Amino acid sequence: MTKHPIYTMSVAQVYPHYVNKAERKGRTKDEVDQIIRWLTGYSQSQLDAQLKAEKDFETFFAEAPELNPCRAQITGVICGVRVEEIQEPTMREIRYLDKLIDELARGKTMSKILRT
């Protein structure tokens, strides 16, 4: 079975799209970074290093210091698929991130996005 192309795509390639999506809706790069740090456990300097090293999504999530246990509360549809029904772990993590960025762009408060 071949891996989905997104697994080998650099997070640094997609990151500007996350930021642009947020900024078009009046949100900030700092909020995008906060979401990524919440999800993965990376510090800001670790996140910056991952982006600079152009790590692919599979490696990015595999090397994450501590995936947030509250991420299981992320539900809903992204790319036509319910995130809670995705069986493949790496794809589920990628879609969790997509869903959180989507929630940010839709104007949800950070406390709701971060499930606090």
PDB file of N, CA and C in Angstrom:
ATOM      1  N   MET A   1       0.846  -1.183   0.000  1.00  0.00           N
ATOM      2  CA  MET A   1       0.000   0.000   0.000  1.00  0.00           C
ATOM      3  C   MET A   1       0.896   1.253   0.000  1.00  0.00           C
ATOM      4  N   THR A   2       0.641   2.162  -0.902  1.00  0.00           N
ATOM      5  CA  THR A   2       1.427   3.396  -0.955  1.00  0.00           C
ATOM      6  C   THR A   2       0.889   4.410   0.041  1.00  0.00           C
ATOM      7  N   LYS A   3       1.815   5.196   0.539  1.00  0.00           N
ATOM      8  CA  LYS A   3       1.437   6.247   1.477  1.00  0.00           C
ATOM      9  C   LYS A   3       0.788   7.399   0.727  1.00  0.00           C
ATOM     10  N   HIS A   4      -0.110   8.051   1.417  1.00  0.00           N
ATOM     11  CA  HIS A   4      -0.730   9.253   0.870  1.00  0.00           C
ATOM     12  C   HIS A   4       0.378  10.289   0.664  1.00  0.00           C
ATOM     13  N   PRO A   5       0.340  11.048  -0.432  1.00  0.00           N
ATOM     14  CA  PRO A   5       1.396  12.035  -0.707  1.00  0.00           C
ATOM     15  C   PRO A   5       1.604  13.064   0.401  1.00  0.00           C
ATOM     16  N   ILE A   6       0.585  13.352   1.192  1.00  0.00           N
ATOM     17  CA  ILE A   6       0.741  14.366   2.242  1.00  0.00           C
ATOM     18  C   ILE A   6       1.736  13.917   3.307  1.00  0.00           C
ATOM     19  N   TYR A   7       1.900  12.602   3.496  1.00  0.00           N
ATOM     20  CA  TYR A   7       2.827  12.105   4.508  1.00  0.00           C
ATOM     21  C   TYR A   7       4.253  12.573   4.241  1.00  0.00           C
ATOM     22  N   THR A   8       4.615  12.646   2.986  1.00  0.00           N
ATOM     23  CA  THR A   8       5.991  13.020   2.621  1.00  0.00           C
ATOM     24  C   THR A   8       6.124  14.509   2.307  1.00  0.00           C
ATOM     25  N   MET A   9       5.031  15.231   2.388  1.00  0.00           N
ATOM     26  CA  MET A   9       5.066  16.672   2.152  1.00  0.00           C
ATOM     27  C   MET A   9       5.631  17.373   3.382  1.00  0.00           C
ATOM     28  N   SER A  10       6.439  18.364   3.142  1.00  0.00           N
ATOM     29  CA  SER A  10       7.028  19.139   4.237  1.00  0.00           C
ATOM     30  C   SER A  10       5.962  19.986   4.922  1.00  0.00           C
ATOM     31  N   VAL A  11       5.984  19.973   6.254  1.00  0.00           N
ATOM     32  CA  VAL A  11       5.076  20.818   7.021  1.00  0.00           C
ATOM     33  C   VAL A  11       5.340  22.285   6.667  1.00  0.00           C
ATOM     34  N   ALA A  12       6.602  22.601   6.422  1.00  0.00           N
ATOM     35  CA  ALA A  12       6.979  23.977   6.068  1.00  0.00           C
ATOM     36  C   ALA A  12       6.329  24.426   4.759  1.00  0.00           C
ATOM     37  N   GLN A  13       6.004  23.492   3.876  1.00  0.00           N
ATOM     38  CA  GLN A  13       5.313  23.838   2.624  1.00  0.00           C
ATOM     39  C   GLN A  13       3.865  24.239   2.890  1.00  0.00           C
ATOM     40  N   VAL A  14       3.237  23.583   3.838  1.00  0.00           N
ATOM     41  CA  VAL A  14       1.816  23.790   4.121  1.00  0.00           C
ATOM     42  C   VAL A  14       1.606  24.906   5.147  1.00  0.00           C
ATOM     43  N   TYR A  15       2.546  25.078   6.036  1.00  0.00           N
ATOM     44  CA  TYR A  15       2.449  26.065   7.118  1.00  0.00           C
ATOM     45  C   TYR A  15       2.040  27.458   6.634  1.00  0.00           C
ATOM     46  N   PRO A  16       2.658  28.004   5.564  1.00  0.00           N
ATOM     47  CA  PRO A  16       2.222  29.337   5.105  1.00  0.00           C
ATOM     48  C   PRO A  16       0.749  29.376   4.701  1.00  0.00           C
ATOM     49  N   HIS A  17       0.228  28.261   4.223  1.00  0.00           N
ATOM     50  CA  HIS A  17      -1.193  28.200   3.855  1.00  0.00           C
ATOM     51  C   HIS A  17      -2.076  28.260   5.109  1.00  0.00           C
ATOM     52  N   TYR A  18      -1.627  27.588   6.179  1.00  0.00           N
ATOM     53  CA  TYR A  18      -2.352  27.681   7.447  1.00  0.00           C
ATOM     54  C   TYR A  18      -2.381  29.133   7.923  1.00  0.00           C
ATOM     55  N   VAL A  19      -1.228  29.775   7.891  1.00  0.00           N
ATOM     56  CA  VAL A  19      -1.125  31.164   8.353  1.00  0.00           C
ATOM     57  C   VAL A  19      -1.972  32.082   7.470  1.00  0.00           C
ATOM     58  N   ASN A  20      -1.880  31.919   6.161  1.00  0.00           N
ATOM     59  CA  ASN A  20      -2.669  32.759   5.244  1.00  0.00           C
ATOM     60  C   ASN A  20      -4.159  32.583   5.472  1.00  0.00           C
ATOM     61  N   LYS A  21      -4.596  31.342   5.667  1.00  0.00           N
ATOM     62  CA  LYS A  21      -6.015  31.079   5.908  1.00  0.00           C
ATOM     63  C   LYS A  21      -6.474  31.801   7.169  1.00  0.00           C
ATOM     64  N   ALA A  22      -5.656  31.739   8.209  1.00  0.00           N
ATOM     65  CA  ALA A  22      -5.999  32.402   9.466  1.00  0.00           C
ATOM     66  C   ALA A  22      -6.000  33.917   9.303  1.00  0.00           C
ATOM     67  N   GLU A  23      -4.965  34.452   8.672  1.00  0.00           N
ATOM     68  CA  GLU A  23      -4.841  35.905   8.536  1.00  0.00           C
ATOM     69  C   GLU A  23      -5.932  36.503   7.651  1.00  0.00           C
ATOM     70  N   ARG A  24      -6.375  35.768   6.646  1.00  0.00           N
ATOM     71  CA  ARG A  24      -7.471  36.255   5.798  1.00  0.00           C
ATOM     72  C   ARG A  24      -8.743  36.457   6.611  1.00  0.00           C
ATOM     73  N   LYS A  25      -8.859  35.733   7.707  1.00  0.00           N
ATOM     74  CA  LYS A  25     -10.044  35.831   8.563  1.00  0.00           C
ATOM     75  C   LYS A  25      -9.782  36.648   9.825  1.00  0.00           C
ATOM     76  N   GLY A  26      -8.689  37.440   9.816  1.00  0.00           N
ATOM     77  CA  GLY A  26      -8.410  38.317  10.935  1.00  0.00           C
ATOM     78  C   GLY A  26      -7.730  37.650  12.121  1.00  0.00           C
ATOM     79  N   ARG A  27      -7.216  36.450  11.934  1.00  0.00           N
ATOM     80  CA  ARG A  27      -6.500  35.756  13.005  1.00  0.00           C
ATOM     81  C   ARG A  27      -5.001  35.922  12.768  1.00  0.00           C
ATOM     82  N   THR A  28      -4.177  35.343  13.637  1.00  0.00           N
ATOM     83  CA  THR A  28      -2.743  35.609  13.573  1.00  0.00           C
ATOM     84  C   THR A  28      -1.889  34.358  13.444  1.00  0.00           C
ATOM     85  N   LYS A  29      -0.647  34.581  13.016  1.00  0.00           N
ATOM     86  CA  LYS A  29       0.357  33.517  12.956  1.00  0.00           C
ATOM     87  C   LYS A  29       0.593  32.963  14.356  1.00  0.00           C
ATOM     88  N   ASP A  30       0.602  33.835  15.351  1.00  0.00           N
ATOM     89  CA  ASP A  30       0.803  33.389  16.735  1.00  0.00           C
ATOM     90  C   ASP A  30      -0.282  32.402  17.167  1.00  0.00           C
ATOM     91  N   GLU A  31      -1.510  32.637  16.730  1.00  0.00           N
ATOM     92  CA  GLU A  31      -2.602  31.715  17.066  1.00  0.00           C
ATOM     93  C   GLU A  31      -2.404  30.372  16.364  1.00  0.00           C
ATOM     94  N   VAL A  32      -1.946  30.402  15.114  1.00  0.00           N
ATOM     95  CA  VAL A  32      -1.651  29.163  14.390  1.00  0.00           C
ATOM     96  C   VAL A  32      -0.567  28.393  15.146  1.00  0.00           C
ATOM     97  N   ASP A  33       0.496  29.091  15.537  1.00  0.00           N
ATOM     98  CA  ASP A  33       1.581  28.449  16.278  1.00  0.00           C
ATOM     99  C   ASP A  33       1.083  27.881  17.607  1.00  0.00           C
ATOM    100  N   GLN A  34       0.234  28.623  18.282  1.00  0.00           N
ATOM    101  CA  GLN A  34      -0.316  28.154  19.563  1.00  0.00           C
ATOM    102  C   GLN A  34      -1.092  26.854  19.369  1.00  0.00           C
ATOM    103  N   ILE A  35      -1.866  26.778  18.317  1.00  0.00           N
ATOM    104  CA  ILE A  35      -2.631  25.565  18.004  1.00  0.00           C
ATOM    105  C   ILE A  35      -1.685  24.396  17.752  1.00  0.00           C
ATOM    106  N   ILE A  36      -0.671  24.616  16.948  1.00  0.00           N
ATOM    107  CA  ILE A  36       0.273  23.538  16.624  1.00  0.00           C
ATOM    108  C   ILE A  36       1.008  23.085  17.889  1.00  0.00           C
ATOM    109  N   ARG A  37       1.416  24.041  18.721  1.00  0.00           N
ATOM    110  CA  ARG A  37       2.106  23.685  19.971  1.00  0.00           C
ATOM    111  C   ARG A  37       1.178  22.904  20.898  1.00  0.00           C
ATOM    112  N   TRP A  38      -0.077  23.327  20.989  1.00  0.00           N
ATOM    113  CA  TRP A  38      -1.059  22.623  21.834  1.00  0.00           C
ATOM    114  C   TRP A  38      -1.237  21.188  21.354  1.00  0.00           C
ATOM    115  N   LEU A  39      -1.353  21.000  20.062  1.00  0.00           N
ATOM    116  CA  LEU A  39      -1.600  19.672  19.496  1.00  0.00           C
ATOM    117  C   LEU A  39      -0.408  18.742  19.656  1.00  0.00           C
ATOM    118  N   THR A  40       0.795  19.268  19.469  1.00  0.00           N
ATOM    119  CA  THR A  40       1.992  18.417  19.363  1.00  0.00           C
ATOM    120  C   THR A  40       2.903  18.414  20.584  1.00  0.00           C
ATOM    121  N   GLY A  41       2.819  19.435  21.409  1.00  0.00           N
ATOM    122  CA  GLY A  41       3.735  19.534  22.537  1.00  0.00           C
ATOM    123  C   GLY A  41       5.065  20.180  22.200  1.00  0.00           C
ATOM    124  N   TYR A  42       5.253  20.599  20.950  1.00  0.00           N
ATOM    125  CA  TYR A  42       6.481  21.310  20.592  1.00  0.00           C
ATOM    126  C   TYR A  42       6.511  22.663  21.290  1.00  0.00           C
ATOM    127  N   SER A  43       7.708  23.095  21.701  1.00  0.00           N
ATOM    128  CA  SER A  43       7.892  24.479  22.140  1.00  0.00           C
ATOM    129  C   SER A  43       7.978  25.333  20.868  1.00  0.00           C
ATOM    130  N   GLN A  44       7.956  26.645  21.014  1.00  0.00           N
ATOM    131  CA  GLN A  44       8.063  27.503  19.831  1.00  0.00           C
ATOM    132  C   GLN A  44       9.400  27.277  19.126  1.00  0.00           C
ATOM    133  N   SER A  45      10.487  27.154  19.884  1.00  0.00           N
ATOM    134  CA  SER A  45      11.797  26.943  19.240  1.00  0.00           C
ATOM    135  C   SER A  45      11.864  25.575  18.559  1.00  0.00           C
ATOM    136  N   GLN A  46      11.244  24.562  19.148  1.00  0.00           N
ATOM    137  CA  GLN A  46      11.200  23.245  18.510  1.00  0.00           C
ATOM    138  C   GLN A  46      10.358  23.279  17.232  1.00  0.00           C
ATOM    139  N   LEU A  47       9.243  23.991  17.280  1.00  0.00           N
ATOM    140  CA  LEU A  47       8.396  24.129  16.098  1.00  0.00           C
ATOM    141  C   LEU A  47       9.157  24.841  14.989  1.00  0.00           C
ATOM    142  N   ASP A  48       9.822  25.928  15.339  1.00  0.00           N
ATOM    143  CA  ASP A  48      10.619  26.661  14.352  1.00  0.00           C
ATOM    144  C   ASP A  48      11.697  25.766  13.743  1.00  0.00           C
ATOM    145  N   ALA A  49      12.333  24.936  14.576  1.00  0.00           N
ATOM    146  CA  ALA A  49      13.379  24.023  14.082  1.00  0.00           C
ATOM    147  C   ALA A  49      12.792  22.971  13.140  1.00  0.00           C
ATOM    148  N   GLN A  50      11.608  22.461  13.457  1.00  0.00           N
ATOM    149  CA  GLN A  50      10.950  21.479  12.588  1.00  0.00           C
ATOM    150  C   GLN A  50      10.632  22.097  11.227  1.00  0.00           C
ATOM    151  N   LEU A  51      10.152  23.331  11.253  1.00  0.00           N
ATOM    152  CA  LEU A  51       9.832  24.022  10.004  1.00  0.00           C
ATOM    153  C   LEU A  51      11.106  24.302   9.205  1.00  0.00           C
ATOM    154  N   LYS A  52      12.141  24.753   9.884  1.00  0.00           N
ATOM    155  CA  LYS A  52      13.406  25.057   9.208  1.00  0.00           C
ATOM    156  C   LYS A  52      14.018  23.800   8.589  1.00  0.00           C
ATOM    157  N   ALA A  53      13.891  22.679   9.292  1.00  0.00           N
ATOM    158  CA  ALA A  53      14.434  21.405   8.798  1.00  0.00           C
ATOM    159  C   ALA A  53      13.557  20.787   7.709  1.00  0.00           C
ATOM    160  N   GLU A  54      12.399  21.414   7.464  1.00  0.00           N
ATOM    161  CA  GLU A  54      11.450  20.949   6.443  1.00  0.00           C
ATOM    162  C   GLU A  54      11.066  19.482   6.634  1.00  0.00           C
ATOM    163  N   LYS A  55      10.742  19.148   7.891  1.00  0.00           N
ATOM    164  CA  LYS A  55      10.317  17.780   8.212  1.00  0.00           C
ATOM    165  C   LYS A  55       8.989  17.489   7.525  1.00  0.00           C
ATOM    166  N   ASP A  56       8.840  16.245   7.077  1.00  0.00           N
ATOM    167  CA  ASP A  56       7.569  15.853   6.468  1.00  0.00           C
ATOM    168  C   ASP A  56       6.545  15.601   7.580  1.00  0.00           C
ATOM    169  N   PHE A  57       5.278  15.529   7.192  1.00  0.00           N
ATOM    170  CA  PHE A  57       4.206  15.387   8.182  1.00  0.00           C
ATOM    171  C   PHE A  57       4.369  14.125   9.024  1.00  0.00           C
ATOM    172  N   GLU A  58       4.758  13.032   8.396  1.00  0.00           N
ATOM    173  CA  GLU A  58       4.905  11.782   9.138  1.00  0.00           C
ATOM    174  C   GLU A  58       5.965  11.923  10.231  1.00  0.00           C
ATOM    175  N   THR A  59       7.110  12.489   9.886  1.00  0.00           N
ATOM    176  CA  THR A  59       8.189  12.695  10.851  1.00  0.00           C
ATOM    177  C   THR A  59       7.791  13.741  11.890  1.00  0.00           C
ATOM    178  N   PHE A  60       7.156  14.809  11.449  1.00  0.00           N
ATOM    179  CA  PHE A  60       6.719  15.883  12.335  1.00  0.00           C
ATOM    180  C   PHE A  60       5.866  15.334  13.481  1.00  0.00           C
ATOM    181  N   PHE A  61       4.905  14.491  13.155  1.00  0.00           N
ATOM    182  CA  PHE A  61       4.041  13.941  14.204  1.00  0.00           C
ATOM    183  C   PHE A  61       4.735  12.828  14.973  1.00  0.00           C
ATOM    184  N   ALA A  62       5.577  12.037  14.314  1.00  0.00           N
ATOM    185  CA  ALA A  62       6.310  10.975  15.009  1.00  0.00           C
ATOM    186  C   ALA A  62       7.273  11.554  16.049  1.00  0.00           C
ATOM    187  N   GLU A  63       7.846  12.725  15.769  1.00  0.00           N
ATOM    188  CA  GLU A  63       8.808  13.354  16.664  1.00  0.00           C
ATOM    189  C   GLU A  63       8.154  14.315  17.661  1.00  0.00           C
ATOM    190  N   ALA A  64       6.854  14.471  17.588  1.00  0.00           N
ATOM    191  CA  ALA A  64       6.161  15.394  18.494  1.00  0.00           C
ATOM    192  C   ALA A  64       6.428  14.989  19.946  1.00  0.00           C
ATOM    193  N   PRO A  65       6.824  15.956  20.776  1.00  0.00           N
ATOM    194  CA  PRO A  65       7.156  15.644  22.168  1.00  0.00           C
ATOM    195  C   PRO A  65       6.022  14.990  22.947  1.00  0.00           C
ATOM    196  N   GLU A  66       4.807  15.509  22.783  1.00  0.00           N
ATOM    197  CA  GLU A  66       3.669  14.950  23.515  1.00  0.00           C
ATOM    198  C   GLU A  66       2.372  15.360  22.839  1.00  0.00           C
ATOM    199  N   LEU A  67       1.787  14.430  22.091  1.00  0.00           N
ATOM    200  CA  LEU A  67       0.515  14.724  21.454  1.00  0.00           C
ATOM    201  C   LEU A  67      -0.533  14.922  22.541  1.00  0.00           C
ATOM    202  N   ASN A  68      -1.278  16.008  22.427  1.00  0.00           N
ATOM    203  CA  ASN A  68      -2.225  16.386  23.466  1.00  0.00           C
ATOM    204  C   ASN A  68      -3.335  15.337  23.589  1.00  0.00           C
ATOM    205  N   PRO A  69      -3.544  14.796  24.789  1.00  0.00           N
ATOM    206  CA  PRO A  69      -4.597  13.789  24.960  1.00  0.00           C
ATOM    207  C   PRO A  69      -6.000  14.344  24.679  1.00  0.00           C
ATOM    208  N   CYS A  70      -6.182  15.645  24.804  1.00  0.00           N
ATOM    209  CA  CYS A  70      -7.494  16.258  24.539  1.00  0.00           C
ATOM    210  C   CYS A  70      -7.820  16.304  23.043  1.00  0.00           C
ATOM    211  N   ARG A  71      -6.862  15.956  22.196  1.00  0.00           N
ATOM    212  CA  ARG A  71      -7.118  16.021  20.753  1.00  0.00           C
ATOM    213  C   ARG A  71      -8.213  15.038  20.332  1.00  0.00           C
ATOM    214  N   ALA A  72      -8.458  14.022  21.159  1.00  0.00           N
ATOM    215  CA  ALA A  72      -9.533  13.072  20.855  1.00  0.00           C
ATOM    216  C   ALA A  72     -10.907  13.746  20.905  1.00  0.00           C
ATOM    217  N   GLN A  73     -10.980  14.934  21.505  1.00  0.00           N
ATOM    218  CA  GLN A  73     -12.239  15.682  21.557  1.00  0.00           C
ATOM    219  C   GLN A  73     -12.524  16.412  20.248  1.00  0.00           C
ATOM    220  N   ILE A  74     -11.558  16.420  19.332  1.00  0.00           N
ATOM    221  CA  ILE A  74     -11.743  17.097  18.048  1.00  0.00           C
ATOM    222  C   ILE A  74     -12.627  16.215  17.178  1.00  0.00           C
ATOM    223  N   THR A  75     -13.762  16.749  16.805  1.00  0.00           N
ATOM    224  CA  THR A  75     -14.703  16.001  15.972  1.00  0.00           C
ATOM    225  C   THR A  75     -15.184  16.894  14.844  1.00  0.00           C
ATOM    226  N   GLY A  76     -15.828  16.280  13.887  1.00  0.00           N
ATOM    227  CA  GLY A  76     -16.390  17.039  12.782  1.00  0.00           C
ATOM    228  C   GLY A  76     -15.821  16.584  11.457  1.00  0.00           C
ATOM    229  N   VAL A  77     -16.209  17.290  10.423  1.00  0.00           N
ATOM    230  CA  VAL A  77     -15.848  16.905   9.062  1.00  0.00           C
ATOM    231  C   VAL A  77     -14.772  17.842   8.529  1.00  0.00           C
ATOM    232  N   ILE A  78     -13.751  17.246   7.934  1.00  0.00           N
ATOM    233  CA  ILE A  78     -12.728  18.004   7.229  1.00  0.00           C
ATOM    234  C   ILE A  78     -12.401  17.218   5.963  1.00  0.00           C
ATOM    235  N   CYS A  79     -12.372  17.901   4.856  1.00  0.00           N
ATOM    236  CA  CYS A  79     -12.137  17.253   3.551  1.00  0.00           C
ATOM    237  C   CYS A  79     -13.149  16.137   3.298  1.00  0.00           C
ATOM    238  N   GLY A  80     -14.378  16.339   3.774  1.00  0.00           N
ATOM    239  CA  GLY A  80     -15.449  15.378   3.524  1.00  0.00           C
ATOM    240  C   GLY A  80     -15.404  14.125   4.375  1.00  0.00           C
ATOM    241  N   VAL A  81     -14.521  14.092   5.376  1.00  0.00           N
ATOM    242  CA  VAL A  81     -14.372  12.906   6.217  1.00  0.00           C
ATOM    243  C   VAL A  81     -14.495  13.312   7.679  1.00  0.00           C
ATOM    244  N   ARG A  82     -15.184  12.489   8.462  1.00  0.00           N
ATOM    245  CA  ARG A  82     -15.275  12.744   9.902  1.00  0.00           C
ATOM    246  C   ARG A  82     -13.933  12.391  10.543  1.00  0.00           C
ATOM    247  N   VAL A  83     -13.313  13.362  11.202  1.00  0.00           N
ATOM    248  CA  VAL A  83     -11.977  13.135  11.762  1.00  0.00           C
ATOM    249  C   VAL A  83     -11.959  12.012  12.793  1.00  0.00           C
ATOM    250  N   GLU A  84     -13.017  11.891  13.555  1.00  0.00           N
ATOM    251  CA  GLU A  84     -13.047  10.849  14.583  1.00  0.00           C
ATOM    252  C   GLU A  84     -13.155   9.440  14.006  1.00  0.00           C
ATOM    253  N   GLU A  85     -13.450   9.307  12.720  1.00  0.00           N
ATOM    254  CA  GLU A  85     -13.567   7.997  12.082  1.00  0.00           C
ATOM    255  C   GLU A  85     -12.321   7.597  11.298  1.00  0.00           C
ATOM    256  N   ILE A  86     -11.329   8.467  11.226  1.00  0.00           N
ATOM    257  CA  ILE A  86     -10.109   8.149  10.476  1.00  0.00           C
ATOM    258  C   ILE A  86      -9.312   7.123  11.275  1.00  0.00           C
ATOM    259  N   GLN A  87      -9.028   5.994  10.643  1.00  0.00           N
ATOM    260  CA  GLN A  87      -8.349   4.899  11.327  1.00  0.00           C
ATOM    261  C   GLN A  87      -6.837   5.042  11.341  1.00  0.00           C
ATOM    262  N   GLU A  88      -6.262   5.552  10.259  1.00  0.00           N
ATOM    263  CA  GLU A  88      -4.805   5.641  10.150  1.00  0.00           C
ATOM    264  C   GLU A  88      -4.303   6.758  11.062  1.00  0.00           C
ATOM    265  N   PRO A  89      -3.443   6.451  12.030  1.00  0.00           N
ATOM    266  CA  PRO A  89      -3.047   7.442  13.042  1.00  0.00           C
ATOM    267  C   PRO A  89      -2.410   8.722  12.489  1.00  0.00           C
ATOM    268  N   THR A  90      -1.494   8.612  11.556  1.00  0.00           N
ATOM    269  CA  THR A  90      -0.840   9.819  11.045  1.00  0.00           C
ATOM    270  C   THR A  90      -1.829  10.702  10.291  1.00  0.00           C
ATOM    271  N   MET A  91      -2.675  10.100   9.486  1.00  0.00           N
ATOM    272  CA  MET A  91      -3.678  10.872   8.755  1.00  0.00           C
ATOM    273  C   MET A  91      -4.632  11.547   9.736  1.00  0.00           C
ATOM    274  N   ARG A  92      -4.988  10.851  10.807  1.00  0.00           N
ATOM    275  CA  ARG A  92      -5.883  11.443  11.806  1.00  0.00           C
ATOM    276  C   ARG A  92      -5.225  12.675  12.442  1.00  0.00           C
ATOM    277  N   GLU A  93      -3.926  12.600  12.754  1.00  0.00           N
ATOM    278  CA  GLU A  93      -3.223  13.746  13.340  1.00  0.00           C
ATOM    279  C   GLU A  93      -3.205  14.922  12.363  1.00  0.00           C
ATOM    280  N   ILE A  94      -2.945  14.642  11.098  1.00  0.00           N
ATOM    281  CA  ILE A  94      -2.929  15.697  10.075  1.00  0.00           C
ATOM    282  C   ILE A  94      -4.304  16.355   9.990  1.00  0.00           C
ATOM    283  N   ARG A  95      -5.339  15.557   9.991  1.00  0.00           N
ATOM    284  CA  ARG A  95      -6.699  16.096   9.883  1.00  0.00           C
ATOM    285  C   ARG A  95      -7.132  16.815  11.161  1.00  0.00           C
ATOM    286  N   TYR A  96      -6.632  16.372  12.317  1.00  0.00           N
ATOM    287  CA  TYR A  96      -6.878  17.141  13.543  1.00  0.00           C
ATOM    288  C   TYR A  96      -6.336  18.553  13.369  1.00  0.00           C
ATOM    289  N   LEU A  97      -5.114  18.659  12.876  1.00  0.00           N
ATOM    290  CA  LEU A  97      -4.503  19.974  12.668  1.00  0.00           C
ATOM    291  C   LEU A  97      -5.319  20.788  11.667  1.00  0.00           C
ATOM    292  N   ASP A  98      -5.695  20.169  10.563  1.00  0.00           N
ATOM    293  CA  ASP A  98      -6.521  20.868   9.572  1.00  0.00           C
ATOM    294  C   ASP A  98      -7.814  21.385  10.188  1.00  0.00           C
ATOM    295  N   LYS A  99      -8.440  20.553  11.004  1.00  0.00           N
ATOM    296  CA  LYS A  99      -9.713  20.923  11.632  1.00  0.00           C
ATOM    297  C   LYS A  99      -9.527  22.100  12.588  1.00  0.00           C
ATOM    298  N   LEU A 100      -8.447  22.083  13.361  1.00  0.00           N
ATOM    299  CA  LEU A 100      -8.199  23.184  14.295  1.00  0.00           C
ATOM    300  C   LEU A 100      -7.956  24.494  13.555  1.00  0.00           C
ATOM    301  N   ILE A 101      -7.195  24.443  12.471  1.00  0.00           N
ATOM    302  CA  ILE A 101      -6.944  25.653  11.677  1.00  0.00           C
ATOM    303  C   ILE A 101      -8.251  26.141  11.052  1.00  0.00           C
ATOM    304  N   ASP A 102      -9.074  25.213  10.618  1.00  0.00           N
ATOM    305  CA  ASP A 102     -10.382  25.567  10.062  1.00  0.00           C
ATOM    306  C   ASP A 102     -11.248  26.260  11.124  1.00  0.00           C
ATOM    307  N   GLU A 103     -11.239  25.727  12.334  1.00  0.00           N
ATOM    308  CA  GLU A 103     -12.004  26.347  13.422  1.00  0.00           C
ATOM    309  C   GLU A 103     -11.501  27.763  13.710  1.00  0.00           C
ATOM    310  N   LEU A 104     -10.180  27.944  13.672  1.00  0.00           N
ATOM    311  CA  LEU A 104      -9.595  29.269  13.871  1.00  0.00           C
ATOM    312  C   LEU A 104     -10.104  30.235  12.803  1.00  0.00           C
ATOM    313  N   ALA A 105     -10.055  29.799  11.560  1.00  0.00           N
ATOM    314  CA  ALA A 105     -10.488  30.650  10.448  1.00  0.00           C
ATOM    315  C   ALA A 105     -11.994  30.935  10.498  1.00  0.00           C
ATOM    316  N   ARG A 106     -12.749  30.067  11.117  1.00  0.00           N
ATOM    317  CA  ARG A 106     -14.195  30.270  11.229  1.00  0.00           C
ATOM    318  C   ARG A 106     -14.576  31.159  12.413  1.00  0.00           C
ATOM    319  N   GLY A 107     -13.563  31.603  13.159  1.00  0.00           N
ATOM    320  CA  GLY A 107     -13.829  32.563  14.216  1.00  0.00           C
ATOM    321  C   GLY A 107     -14.063  32.006  15.600  1.00  0.00           C
ATOM    322  N   LYS A 108     -13.840  30.716  15.797  1.00  0.00           N
ATOM    323  CA  LYS A 108     -14.000  30.163  17.139  1.00  0.00           C
ATOM    324  C   LYS A 108     -12.988  30.784  18.085  1.00  0.00           C
ATOM    325  N   THR A 109     -13.346  30.868  19.345  1.00  0.00           N
ATOM    326  CA  THR A 109     -12.409  31.386  20.341  1.00  0.00           C
ATOM    327  C   THR A 109     -11.311  30.358  20.585  1.00  0.00           C
ATOM    328  N   MET A 110     -10.142  30.847  21.011  1.00  0.00           N
ATOM    329  CA  MET A 110      -9.023  29.936  21.263  1.00  0.00           C
ATOM    330  C   MET A 110      -9.371  28.938  22.365  1.00  0.00           C
ATOM    331  N   SER A 111     -10.128  29.339  23.365  1.00  0.00           N
ATOM    332  CA  SER A 111     -10.466  28.403  24.441  1.00  0.00           C
ATOM    333  C   SER A 111     -11.311  27.230  23.901  1.00  0.00           C
ATOM    334  N   LYS A 112     -12.177  27.498  22.952  1.00  0.00           N
ATOM    335  CA  LYS A 112     -12.973  26.428  22.353  1.00  0.00           C
ATOM    336  C   LYS A 112     -12.119  25.563  21.433  1.00  0.00           C
ATOM    337  N   ILE A 113     -11.249  26.199  20.656  1.00  0.00           N
ATOM    338  CA  ILE A 113     -10.370  25.455  19.743  1.00  0.00           C
ATOM    339  C   ILE A 113      -9.473  24.520  20.543  1.00  0.00           C
ATOM    340  N   LEU A 114      -8.925  25.018  21.648  1.00  0.00           N
ATOM    341  CA  LEU A 114      -7.977  24.236  22.450  1.00  0.00           C
ATOM    342  C   LEU A 114      -8.670  23.367  23.494  1.00  0.00           C
ATOM    343  N   ARG A 115      -9.991  23.284  23.399  1.00  0.00           N
ATOM    344  CA  ARG A 115     -10.781  22.403  24.257  1.00  0.00           C
ATOM    345  C   ARG A 115     -10.493  22.613  25.733  1.00  0.00           C
ATOM    346  N   THR A 116     -10.453  23.887  26.153  1.00  0.00           N
ATOM    347  CA  THR A 116     -10.199  24.175  27.570  1.00  0.00           C
ATOM    348  C   THR A 116     -11.467  24.619  28.275  1.00  0.00           C
TER     349      THR A 116
END
